[in-house]
Amino acid sequence: MFKKWTEILGVDENVVGSGDSDPSVFPRLVKTALLVAIALLAVGLVVVIFYGGFTWITAGDSDEKLQKAQKIMKDGIMAILIAFGFILVFAIIAGLLGVDITDFSFIDEVFS
C-alpha cells in the first residue's frame, strides 16, 4: 500500500552518496514537510480551542478560571491568525518564485 520514501524520492539506500539528480526532489520534500506541519498545526490549534472551551464551560462561578479560559481561547485564535499569515506569506513567496504550492499530486505516489 505504501511506498518507501526512497522509492518516491528516487534514492537508492544501498549505495553511499547516491541520489536522484532530478530537480523536483527537493520541492516535493518541502511540500510534504509543509503539508505535514500545517496538518499538525491545525490539529493542535483545534485541541487548544476545545480545551479553552471546556475550561470556560467548567469554570462555574470562578472568575480566575473564566479569565484563564478566555486567555486560552484568545491565544488559540491568535495562533490560528498567525498560522494563516504564515501560509499567506509562503504562498506569496512561492508565487513570486514560480513554485506551484497547490499541486499535491505527489501524494498519489505515496499511496499507489
Protein backbone atom coordinates (compact mmCIF):
# COMPACT_ATOMS: atom_id res chain seq x y z
CA MET A 1 0.00 0.00 0.00
CA PHE A 2 2.69 2.49 0.98
CA LYS A 3 5.88 3.07 -0.95
CA LYS A 4 9.21 3.64 0.71
CA TRP A 5 10.40 7.23 0.82
CA THR A 6 13.45 6.09 -1.09
CA GLU A 7 11.25 4.98 -3.98
CA ILE A 8 9.33 8.25 -4.01
CA LEU A 9 12.38 10.48 -3.78
CA GLY A 10 14.48 8.35 -6.12
CA VAL A 11 17.28 7.49 -3.69
CA ASP A 12 19.00 4.11 -3.59
CA GLU A 13 19.60 3.40 0.07
CA ASN A 14 22.11 0.64 -0.71
CA VAL A 15 24.67 2.93 -2.34
CA VAL A 16 26.53 5.53 -0.31
CA GLY A 17 26.20 9.01 -1.77
CA SER A 18 23.61 8.01 -4.32
CA GLY A 19 20.65 10.18 -5.03
CA ASP A 20 18.44 11.46 -7.73
CA SER A 21 19.67 14.49 -9.63
CA ASP A 22 16.08 15.31 -10.55
CA PRO A 23 15.50 18.95 -9.51
CA SER A 24 11.93 18.18 -8.43
CA VAL A 25 13.02 16.06 -5.45
CA PHE A 26 13.67 18.95 -3.05
CA PRO A 27 10.43 20.85 -3.83
CA ARG A 28 8.44 17.64 -3.30
CA LEU A 29 10.17 17.14 0.03
CA VAL A 30 9.43 20.73 1.08
CA LYS A 31 5.78 20.41 0.03
CA THR A 32 5.45 17.20 2.02
CA ALA A 33 7.04 18.76 5.10
CA LEU A 34 4.80 21.82 4.86
CA LEU A 35 1.69 19.71 4.39
CA VAL A 36 2.51 17.65 7.47
CA ALA A 37 3.40 20.77 9.50
CA ILE A 38 0.16 22.53 8.56
CA ALA A 39 -1.90 19.43 9.39
CA LEU A 40 -0.24 19.04 12.80
CA LEU A 41 -0.64 22.74 13.49
CA ALA A 42 -4.34 22.62 12.62
CA VAL A 43 -4.95 19.63 14.88
CA GLY A 44 -3.03 21.27 17.72
CA LEU A 45 -4.95 24.52 17.41
CA VAL A 46 -8.30 22.74 17.40
CA VAL A 47 -7.28 20.93 20.58
CA VAL A 48 -6.29 24.25 22.21
CA ILE A 49 -9.61 25.86 21.25
CA PHE A 50 -11.58 22.88 22.59
CA TYR A 51 -9.53 22.90 25.81
CA GLY A 52 -10.27 26.60 26.24
CA GLY A 53 -13.97 25.98 25.64
CA PHE A 54 -14.02 23.10 28.10
CA THR A 55 -12.25 25.24 30.71
CA TRP A 56 -14.77 28.02 30.10
CA ILE A 57 -17.75 25.68 30.48
CA THR A 58 -16.40 24.14 33.68
CA ALA A 59 -15.30 27.48 35.20
CA GLY A 60 -18.51 27.86 37.15
CA ASP A 61 -18.52 30.98 39.33
CA SER A 62 -14.73 31.25 39.45
CA ASP A 63 -13.58 34.47 37.78
CA GLU A 64 -9.99 33.22 37.82
CA LYS A 65 -10.87 30.08 35.82
CA LEU A 66 -13.02 32.14 33.45
CA GLN A 67 -10.15 34.54 32.76
CA LYS A 68 -7.82 31.57 32.23
CA ALA A 69 -10.27 30.06 29.73
CA GLN A 70 -10.66 33.37 27.90
CA LYS A 71 -6.88 33.69 27.66
CA ILE A 72 -6.56 30.15 26.27
CA MET A 73 -9.26 30.86 23.66
CA LYS A 74 -7.71 34.22 22.74
CA ASP A 75 -4.24 32.67 22.41
CA GLY A 76 -5.65 29.86 20.26
CA ILE A 77 -7.37 32.31 17.92
CA MET A 78 -4.21 34.43 17.69
CA ALA A 79 -2.21 31.30 16.83
CA ILE A 80 -4.69 30.48 14.06
CA LEU A 81 -4.32 34.00 12.64
CA ILE A 82 -0.52 33.74 12.80
CA ALA A 83 -0.66 30.35 11.04
CA PHE A 84 -2.86 31.76 8.27
CA GLY A 85 -0.45 34.68 7.95
CA PHE A 86 2.44 32.24 7.58
CA ILE A 87 0.59 30.31 4.88
CA LEU A 88 -0.26 33.56 3.09
CA VAL A 89 3.35 34.80 3.16
CA PHE A 90 4.58 31.39 1.97
CA ALA A 91 2.04 31.39 -0.88
CA ILE A 92 3.11 34.89 -1.95
CA ILE A 93 6.81 33.98 -1.91
CA ALA A 94 6.14 30.73 -3.77
CA GLY A 95 4.11 32.65 -6.36
CA LEU A 96 6.93 35.13 -6.87
CA LEU A 97 9.38 32.26 -7.33
CA GLY A 98 7.03 30.45 -9.71
CA VAL A 99 6.50 27.40 -7.50
CA ASP A 100 3.05 25.81 -7.52
CA ILE A 101 2.34 25.02 -3.88
CA THR A 102 -1.20 23.86 -4.57
CA ASP A 103 -0.10 20.86 -6.63
CA PHE A 104 -0.13 17.93 -4.23
CA SER A 105 -0.31 15.25 -6.92
CA PHE A 106 2.87 13.70 -5.50
CA ILE A 107 0.75 12.38 -2.62
CA ASP A 108 -0.76 9.89 -5.06
CA GLU A 109 2.73 8.39 -5.43
CA VAL A 110 2.83 7.63 -1.70
CA PHE A 111 -0.41 5.65 -1.72
CA SER A 112 0.00 3.88 -5.06
